[in-house]
């Protein structure tokens, strides 16, 4: 059961009456949350720099940062589940680790697309037509043979 602020032994700020599982969850989250926030901030700064230097549109930069922010928030939930369960299945480990590659691919795609758009607008595109750069999510087109055969 939970005690509310001002009820029982936990409302006086002493910590008595608190569910020890909540304290444990909070400490687990505190351990990895700053790392995820640091990863987000490094990507945000990179995107911002690319936008400021004219290598990416501000609209794409905003979209990418919003995607990364949402992914980081989701990863916090995944990592909390791993911390609470005390296990790290290979599939979840791969999910967490793969996000950096996905974010980098999205950033590179935005830069290449912006460059192609500028070349088309300037008439520098090959063949004189419009240029386009496609981004394909590797998770949708690659299949890993876990048996190695």
N, C-alpha and C. Protein backbone atom coordinates (compact mmCIF):
# COMPACT_ATOMS: atom_id res chain seq x y z
N UNK A 1 0.83 -1.17 0.00
CA UNK A 1 0.00 0.00 0.00
C UNK A 1 0.87 1.23 0.00
N UNK A 2 0.28 2.35 -0.37
CA UNK A 2 1.01 3.60 -0.40
C UNK A 2 0.55 4.49 0.73
N UNK A 3 1.50 5.27 1.24
CA UNK A 3 1.11 6.30 2.20
C UNK A 3 1.12 7.62 1.46
N UNK A 4 0.19 8.45 1.75
CA UNK A 4 0.13 9.76 1.12
C UNK A 4 0.88 10.76 1.98
N UNK A 5 1.23 11.86 1.35
CA UNK A 5 1.90 12.94 2.07
C UNK A 5 1.07 13.31 3.29
N UNK A 6 1.70 13.32 4.46
CA UNK A 6 1.01 13.71 5.68
C UNK A 6 0.32 12.56 6.39
N UNK A 7 0.32 11.36 5.77
CA UNK A 7 -0.32 10.20 6.40
C UNK A 7 0.75 9.21 6.82
N UNK A 8 0.50 8.49 7.83
CA UNK A 8 1.40 7.42 8.25
C UNK A 8 2.79 7.93 8.53
N UNK A 9 3.80 7.06 8.25
CA UNK A 9 5.16 7.42 8.60
C UNK A 9 5.94 8.10 7.50
N UNK A 10 5.39 8.24 6.28
CA UNK A 10 6.21 8.75 5.19
C UNK A 10 6.04 10.21 4.89
N UNK A 11 5.10 10.89 5.50
CA UNK A 11 4.82 12.26 5.12
C UNK A 11 5.65 13.30 5.81
N UNK A 12 6.53 12.89 6.70
CA UNK A 12 7.30 13.87 7.46
C UNK A 12 8.67 14.17 6.85
N UNK A 13 8.92 13.59 5.67
CA UNK A 13 10.18 13.85 5.00
C UNK A 13 11.32 12.97 5.47
N UNK A 14 11.08 12.05 6.40
CA UNK A 14 12.15 11.21 6.91
C UNK A 14 12.42 10.02 6.02
N UNK A 15 11.46 9.72 5.13
CA UNK A 15 11.62 8.55 4.27
C UNK A 15 11.04 7.31 4.89
N UNK A 16 10.65 7.37 6.14
CA UNK A 16 10.05 6.20 6.78
C UNK A 16 8.69 5.94 6.15
N UNK A 17 8.39 4.71 5.94
CA UNK A 17 7.10 4.35 5.35
C UNK A 17 7.11 4.34 3.83
N UNK A 18 8.22 4.75 3.20
CA UNK A 18 8.31 4.71 1.74
C UNK A 18 8.51 3.27 1.29
N UNK A 19 7.97 2.98 0.14
CA UNK A 19 8.16 1.68 -0.46
C UNK A 19 9.62 1.60 -0.93
N UNK A 20 10.42 0.67 -0.41
CA UNK A 20 11.84 0.60 -0.81
C UNK A 20 12.02 0.30 -2.29
N UNK A 21 11.02 -0.31 -2.92
CA UNK A 21 11.11 -0.57 -4.36
C UNK A 21 11.10 0.73 -5.15
N UNK A 22 10.35 1.72 -4.69
CA UNK A 22 10.31 3.01 -5.37
C UNK A 22 11.67 3.70 -5.28
N UNK A 23 12.29 3.64 -4.11
CA UNK A 23 13.61 4.24 -3.94
C UNK A 23 14.61 3.55 -4.84
N UNK A 24 14.53 2.23 -4.93
CA UNK A 24 15.43 1.47 -5.78
C UNK A 24 15.23 1.82 -7.24
N UNK A 25 13.98 1.94 -7.68
CA UNK A 25 13.69 2.31 -9.08
C UNK A 25 14.24 3.69 -9.39
N UNK A 26 14.04 4.60 -8.46
CA UNK A 26 14.52 5.97 -8.67
C UNK A 26 16.04 6.00 -8.80
N UNK A 27 16.73 5.20 -7.98
CA UNK A 27 18.19 5.20 -8.05
C UNK A 27 18.67 4.55 -9.34
N UNK A 28 17.94 3.55 -9.82
CA UNK A 28 18.30 2.93 -11.10
C UNK A 28 18.11 3.91 -12.25
N UNK A 29 17.00 4.62 -12.23
CA UNK A 29 16.75 5.61 -13.27
C UNK A 29 17.80 6.71 -13.20
N UNK A 30 18.16 7.13 -12.00
CA UNK A 30 19.15 8.18 -11.84
C UNK A 30 20.51 7.76 -12.40
N UNK A 31 20.78 6.47 -12.43
CA UNK A 31 22.07 5.99 -12.91
C UNK A 31 22.22 6.13 -14.43
N UNK A 32 21.18 5.87 -15.19
CA UNK A 32 21.35 5.91 -16.65
C UNK A 32 20.69 7.10 -17.33
N UNK A 33 19.80 7.79 -16.65
CA UNK A 33 19.12 8.92 -17.28
C UNK A 33 20.10 10.02 -17.72
N UNK A 34 21.08 10.39 -16.91
CA UNK A 34 22.02 11.43 -17.37
C UNK A 34 22.81 10.99 -18.61
N UNK A 35 23.09 9.71 -18.72
CA UNK A 35 23.82 9.23 -19.90
C UNK A 35 22.97 9.38 -21.16
N UNK A 36 21.69 9.02 -21.06
CA UNK A 36 20.80 9.18 -22.20
C UNK A 36 20.62 10.65 -22.56
N UNK A 37 20.51 11.49 -21.54
CA UNK A 37 20.36 12.92 -21.80
C UNK A 37 21.61 13.49 -22.47
N UNK A 38 22.78 12.98 -22.08
CA UNK A 38 24.03 13.42 -22.71
C UNK A 38 24.06 13.02 -24.18
N UNK A 39 23.62 11.81 -24.47
CA UNK A 39 23.57 11.35 -25.87
C UNK A 39 22.62 12.24 -26.67
N UNK A 40 21.44 12.52 -26.09
CA UNK A 40 20.50 13.41 -26.78
C UNK A 40 21.13 14.78 -27.04
N UNK A 41 21.76 15.33 -26.03
CA UNK A 41 22.33 16.67 -26.15
C UNK A 41 23.42 16.72 -27.20
N UNK A 42 24.25 15.69 -27.28
CA UNK A 42 25.30 15.66 -28.31
C UNK A 42 24.69 15.64 -29.71
N UNK A 43 23.63 14.85 -29.89
CA UNK A 43 22.97 14.81 -31.20
C UNK A 43 22.29 16.15 -31.50
N UNK A 44 21.65 16.73 -30.50
CA UNK A 44 20.97 18.02 -30.70
C UNK A 44 21.97 19.09 -31.11
N UNK A 45 23.13 19.12 -30.46
CA UNK A 45 24.16 20.11 -30.80
C UNK A 45 24.68 19.90 -32.22
N UNK A 46 24.85 18.65 -32.61
CA UNK A 46 25.31 18.35 -33.96
C UNK A 46 24.30 18.84 -34.98
N UNK A 47 23.03 18.52 -34.76
CA UNK A 47 21.97 18.95 -35.68
C UNK A 47 21.90 20.48 -35.72
N UNK A 48 21.98 21.11 -34.57
CA UNK A 48 21.93 22.57 -34.51
C UNK A 48 23.08 23.19 -35.30
N UNK A 49 24.25 22.62 -35.16
CA UNK A 49 25.42 23.11 -35.89
C UNK A 49 25.23 22.96 -37.40
N UNK A 50 24.67 21.84 -37.81
CA UNK A 50 24.42 21.61 -39.24
C UNK A 50 23.39 22.59 -39.78
N UNK A 51 22.38 22.89 -38.99
CA UNK A 51 21.37 23.88 -39.40
C UNK A 51 22.00 25.27 -39.48
N UNK A 52 22.77 25.63 -38.46
CA UNK A 52 23.39 26.95 -38.42
C UNK A 52 24.35 27.17 -39.59
N UNK A 53 25.00 26.10 -40.04
CA UNK A 53 25.97 26.22 -41.14
C UNK A 53 25.31 26.06 -42.50
N UNK A 54 23.99 25.90 -42.53
CA UNK A 54 23.27 25.80 -43.80
C UNK A 54 23.37 24.44 -44.47
N UNK A 55 23.79 23.43 -43.72
CA UNK A 55 23.91 22.09 -44.30
C UNK A 55 22.66 21.24 -44.11
N UNK A 56 21.70 21.77 -43.35
CA UNK A 56 20.44 21.07 -43.10
C UNK A 56 19.38 22.14 -42.88
N UNK A 57 18.18 21.87 -43.33
CA UNK A 57 17.10 22.83 -43.10
C UNK A 57 16.69 22.81 -41.63
N UNK A 58 16.25 23.96 -41.15
CA UNK A 58 15.79 24.05 -39.75
C UNK A 58 14.60 23.13 -39.52
N UNK A 59 13.74 23.00 -40.52
CA UNK A 59 12.58 22.12 -40.40
C UNK A 59 13.00 20.66 -40.18
N UNK A 60 13.97 20.21 -40.98
CA UNK A 60 14.48 18.84 -40.81
C UNK A 60 15.20 18.69 -39.48
N UNK A 61 15.93 19.71 -39.09
CA UNK A 61 16.63 19.66 -37.81
C UNK A 61 15.65 19.51 -36.65
N UNK A 62 14.58 20.27 -36.72
CA UNK A 62 13.56 20.18 -35.67
C UNK A 62 12.92 18.79 -35.66
N UNK A 63 12.61 18.26 -36.83
CA UNK A 63 11.98 16.94 -36.93
C UNK A 63 12.90 15.86 -36.37
N UNK A 64 14.17 15.93 -36.72
CA UNK A 64 15.13 14.92 -36.24
C UNK A 64 15.28 15.01 -34.72
N UNK A 65 15.41 16.22 -34.20
CA UNK A 65 15.55 16.38 -32.74
C UNK A 65 14.31 15.89 -32.00
N UNK A 66 13.14 16.14 -32.57
CA UNK A 66 11.90 15.66 -31.94
C UNK A 66 11.86 14.13 -31.95
N UNK A 67 12.31 13.53 -33.03
CA UNK A 67 12.35 12.07 -33.11
C UNK A 67 13.32 11.50 -32.08
N UNK A 68 14.50 12.08 -32.01
CA UNK A 68 15.50 11.60 -31.04
C UNK A 68 14.99 11.78 -29.62
N UNK A 69 14.37 12.93 -29.33
CA UNK A 69 13.82 13.16 -27.99
C UNK A 69 12.80 12.09 -27.62
N UNK A 70 11.90 11.78 -28.54
CA UNK A 70 10.88 10.76 -28.27
C UNK A 70 11.54 9.39 -28.09
N UNK A 71 12.55 9.10 -28.91
CA UNK A 71 13.26 7.82 -28.78
C UNK A 71 13.98 7.72 -27.44
N UNK A 72 14.62 8.79 -27.01
CA UNK A 72 15.33 8.79 -25.72
C UNK A 72 14.34 8.55 -24.59
N UNK A 73 13.19 9.19 -24.66
CA UNK A 73 12.18 8.98 -23.61
C UNK A 73 11.70 7.52 -23.60
N UNK A 74 11.53 6.94 -24.79
CA UNK A 74 11.16 5.52 -24.87
C UNK A 74 12.27 4.62 -24.33
N UNK A 75 13.51 4.97 -24.64
CA UNK A 75 14.64 4.18 -24.17
C UNK A 75 14.75 4.21 -22.65
N UNK A 76 14.38 5.33 -22.05
CA UNK A 76 14.39 5.40 -20.58
C UNK A 76 13.44 4.35 -20.01
N UNK A 77 12.27 4.21 -20.63
CA UNK A 77 11.31 3.21 -20.17
C UNK A 77 11.87 1.80 -20.35
N UNK A 78 12.49 1.54 -21.50
CA UNK A 78 13.06 0.22 -21.77
C UNK A 78 14.17 -0.09 -20.77
N UNK A 79 15.03 0.88 -20.54
CA UNK A 79 16.15 0.65 -19.63
C UNK A 79 15.67 0.51 -18.19
N UNK A 80 14.60 1.22 -17.83
CA UNK A 80 14.03 1.05 -16.50
C UNK A 80 13.50 -0.37 -16.34
N UNK A 81 12.83 -0.86 -17.37
CA UNK A 81 12.31 -2.23 -17.31
C UNK A 81 13.46 -3.23 -17.14
N UNK A 82 14.55 -3.00 -17.84
CA UNK A 82 15.71 -3.89 -17.70
C UNK A 82 16.30 -3.78 -16.29
N UNK A 83 16.36 -2.56 -15.77
CA UNK A 83 16.93 -2.37 -14.43
C UNK A 83 16.05 -3.03 -13.37
N UNK A 84 14.75 -2.88 -13.50
CA UNK A 84 13.83 -3.46 -12.53
C UNK A 84 13.85 -4.98 -12.60
N UNK A 85 13.89 -5.51 -13.83
CA UNK A 85 13.87 -6.97 -13.98
C UNK A 85 15.22 -7.60 -13.67
N UNK A 86 16.26 -6.79 -13.74
CA UNK A 86 17.60 -7.32 -13.48
C UNK A 86 18.15 -8.14 -14.62
N UNK A 87 17.52 -8.02 -15.79
CA UNK A 87 18.02 -8.78 -16.94
C UNK A 87 18.09 -7.88 -18.16
N UNK A 88 18.90 -8.30 -19.09
CA UNK A 88 19.07 -7.54 -20.33
C UNK A 88 19.07 -8.52 -21.50
N UNK A 89 17.88 -8.86 -21.99
CA UNK A 89 17.83 -9.77 -23.14
C UNK A 89 18.58 -9.18 -24.33
N UNK A 90 19.15 -10.02 -25.13
CA UNK A 90 19.94 -9.58 -26.29
C UNK A 90 19.12 -8.68 -27.21
N UNK A 91 17.83 -9.00 -27.38
CA UNK A 91 17.00 -8.19 -28.28
C UNK A 91 16.85 -6.76 -27.77
N UNK A 92 16.71 -6.58 -26.47
CA UNK A 92 16.60 -5.23 -25.92
C UNK A 92 17.93 -4.50 -25.96
N UNK A 93 18.99 -5.24 -25.73
CA UNK A 93 20.33 -4.65 -25.82
C UNK A 93 20.58 -4.11 -27.23
N UNK A 94 20.21 -4.90 -28.23
CA UNK A 94 20.37 -4.48 -29.63
C UNK A 94 19.47 -3.29 -29.94
N UNK A 95 18.27 -3.28 -29.40
CA UNK A 95 17.35 -2.16 -29.60
C UNK A 95 17.96 -0.86 -29.09
N UNK A 96 18.48 -0.90 -27.88
CA UNK A 96 19.08 0.29 -27.28
C UNK A 96 20.30 0.74 -28.06
N UNK A 97 21.18 -0.18 -28.36
CA UNK A 97 22.43 0.16 -29.03
C UNK A 97 22.22 0.62 -30.47
N UNK A 98 21.18 0.14 -31.12
CA UNK A 98 20.94 0.48 -32.52
C UNK A 98 20.43 1.89 -32.75
N UNK A 99 19.94 2.54 -31.72
CA UNK A 99 19.37 3.87 -31.92
C UNK A 99 20.39 4.89 -32.40
N UNK A 100 21.60 4.84 -31.90
CA UNK A 100 22.63 5.79 -32.33
C UNK A 100 22.89 5.70 -33.82
N UNK A 101 22.91 4.49 -34.34
CA UNK A 101 23.11 4.31 -35.78
C UNK A 101 21.93 4.87 -36.56
N UNK A 102 20.72 4.64 -36.07
CA UNK A 102 19.54 5.17 -36.74
C UNK A 102 19.55 6.70 -36.75
N UNK A 103 19.89 7.29 -35.62
CA UNK A 103 19.92 8.75 -35.55
C UNK A 103 20.98 9.33 -36.48
N UNK A 104 22.16 8.70 -36.51
CA UNK A 104 23.22 9.18 -37.39
C UNK A 104 22.81 9.06 -38.85
N UNK A 105 22.14 7.98 -39.20
CA UNK A 105 21.67 7.80 -40.58
C UNK A 105 20.64 8.86 -40.94
N UNK A 106 19.77 9.21 -40.02
CA UNK A 106 18.76 10.24 -40.29
C UNK A 106 19.42 11.61 -40.47
N UNK A 107 20.41 11.90 -39.67
CA UNK A 107 21.13 13.17 -39.80
C UNK A 107 21.85 13.22 -41.14
N UNK A 108 22.55 12.17 -41.49
CA UNK A 108 23.27 12.13 -42.77
C UNK A 108 22.29 12.27 -43.93
N UNK A 109 21.16 11.58 -43.85
CA UNK A 109 20.15 11.69 -44.91
C UNK A 109 19.67 13.13 -45.07
N UNK A 110 19.40 13.81 -43.95
CA UNK A 110 18.92 15.19 -44.01
C UNK A 110 19.96 16.11 -44.66
N UNK A 111 21.23 15.90 -44.34
CA UNK A 111 22.29 16.71 -44.93
C UNK A 111 22.38 16.45 -46.44
N UNK A 112 22.35 15.19 -46.81
CA UNK A 112 22.44 14.84 -48.24
C UNK A 112 21.22 15.34 -49.01
N UNK A 113 20.04 15.21 -48.41
CA UNK A 113 18.82 15.69 -49.06
C UNK A 113 18.86 17.20 -49.24
N UNK A 114 19.33 17.91 -48.22
CA UNK A 114 19.42 19.37 -48.30
C UNK A 114 20.39 19.78 -49.41
N UNK A 115 21.51 19.09 -49.48
CA UNK A 115 22.50 19.39 -50.52
C UNK A 115 21.92 19.10 -51.90
N UNK A 116 21.23 17.98 -52.05
CA UNK A 116 20.63 17.63 -53.34
C UNK A 116 19.57 18.66 -53.74
N UNK A 117 18.79 19.12 -52.77
CA UNK A 117 17.75 20.12 -53.05
C UNK A 117 18.37 21.43 -53.50
N UNK A 118 19.46 21.84 -52.85
CA UNK A 118 20.14 23.08 -53.23
C UNK A 118 20.74 22.96 -54.63
N UNK A 119 21.31 21.78 -54.95
CA UNK A 119 21.88 21.59 -56.28
C UNK A 119 20.81 21.64 -57.35
N UNK A 120 19.66 21.05 -57.08
CA UNK A 120 18.55 21.09 -58.03
C UNK A 120 18.07 22.51 -58.24
N UNK A 121 17.96 23.26 -57.16
CA UNK A 121 17.50 24.64 -57.25
C UNK A 121 18.49 25.50 -58.01
N UNK A 122 19.78 25.17 -57.90
CA UNK A 122 20.82 25.92 -58.59
C UNK A 122 21.05 25.41 -60.01
N UNK A 123 20.37 24.33 -60.40
CA UNK A 123 20.57 23.75 -61.72
C UNK A 123 21.81 22.90 -61.83
N UNK A 124 22.39 22.52 -60.68
CA UNK A 124 23.62 21.72 -60.68
C UNK A 124 23.37 20.23 -60.58
N UNK A 125 22.11 19.82 -60.49
CA UNK A 125 21.80 18.40 -60.35
C UNK A 125 22.13 17.64 -61.61
N UNK A 126 22.58 16.41 -61.46
CA UNK A 126 22.90 15.59 -62.63
C UNK A 126 21.65 15.35 -63.46
N UNK A 127 21.78 15.44 -64.75
CA UNK A 127 20.66 15.19 -65.65
C UNK A 127 19.68 16.35 -65.72
N UNK A 128 19.94 17.41 -65.01
CA UNK A 128 19.10 18.59 -65.09
C UNK A 128 17.78 18.49 -64.35
N UNK A 129 17.45 17.32 -63.82
CA UNK A 129 16.18 17.15 -63.12
C UNK A 129 16.35 17.37 -61.63
N UNK A 130 15.29 17.09 -60.91
CA UNK A 130 15.36 17.25 -59.46
C UNK A 130 16.12 16.09 -58.84
N UNK A 131 16.82 16.37 -57.78
CA UNK A 131 17.59 15.35 -57.07
C UNK A 131 16.84 14.93 -55.82
N UNK A 132 16.95 13.68 -55.49
CA UNK A 132 16.32 13.19 -54.28
C UNK A 132 17.21 12.13 -53.66
N UNK A 133 17.21 12.11 -52.36
CA UNK A 133 17.99 11.14 -51.62
C UNK A 133 17.01 10.36 -50.75
N UNK A 134 17.03 9.06 -50.88
CA UNK A 134 16.11 8.21 -50.11
C UNK A 134 16.81 7.68 -48.86
N UNK A 135 16.07 7.66 -47.78
CA UNK A 135 16.55 7.03 -46.56
C UNK A 135 15.71 5.80 -46.32
N UNK A 136 16.38 4.69 -46.12
CA UNK A 136 15.68 3.44 -45.86
C UNK A 136 16.08 2.96 -44.48
N UNK A 137 15.09 2.65 -43.68
CA UNK A 137 15.34 2.11 -42.34
C UNK A 137 15.85 0.68 -42.51
N UNK A 138 17.11 0.46 -42.15
CA UNK A 138 17.73 -0.85 -42.33
C UNK A 138 16.95 -1.95 -41.62
N UNK A 139 16.26 -1.62 -40.56
CA UNK A 139 15.48 -2.63 -39.83
C UNK A 139 14.34 -3.18 -40.68
N UNK A 140 13.95 -2.43 -41.69
CA UNK A 140 12.84 -2.86 -42.55
C UNK A 140 13.30 -3.67 -43.76
N UNK A 141 14.58 -3.63 -44.07
CA UNK A 141 15.04 -4.32 -45.28
C UNK A 141 16.10 -5.38 -45.03
N UNK A 142 16.73 -5.37 -43.89
CA UNK A 142 17.77 -6.37 -43.58
C UNK A 142 17.20 -7.44 -42.66
N UNK A 143 17.60 -8.65 -42.92
CA UNK A 143 17.19 -9.77 -42.08
C UNK A 143 18.45 -10.43 -41.56
N UNK A 144 18.48 -10.65 -40.26
CA UNK A 144 19.63 -11.29 -39.63
C UNK A 144 19.30 -12.77 -39.45
N UNK A 145 20.18 -13.60 -39.99
CA UNK A 145 20.04 -15.04 -39.82
C UNK A 145 20.72 -15.40 -38.51
N UNK A 146 19.92 -15.60 -37.47
CA UNK A 146 20.49 -15.86 -36.15
C UNK A 146 21.17 -17.22 -36.06
N UNK A 147 20.90 -18.11 -37.00
CA UNK A 147 21.55 -19.42 -37.01
C UNK A 147 22.92 -19.37 -37.65
N UNK A 148 23.22 -18.22 -38.31
CA UNK A 148 24.52 -18.07 -38.95
C UNK A 148 24.67 -18.83 -40.25
N UNK A 149 23.58 -19.34 -40.78
CA UNK A 149 23.67 -20.15 -42.00
C UNK A 149 23.17 -19.51 -43.21
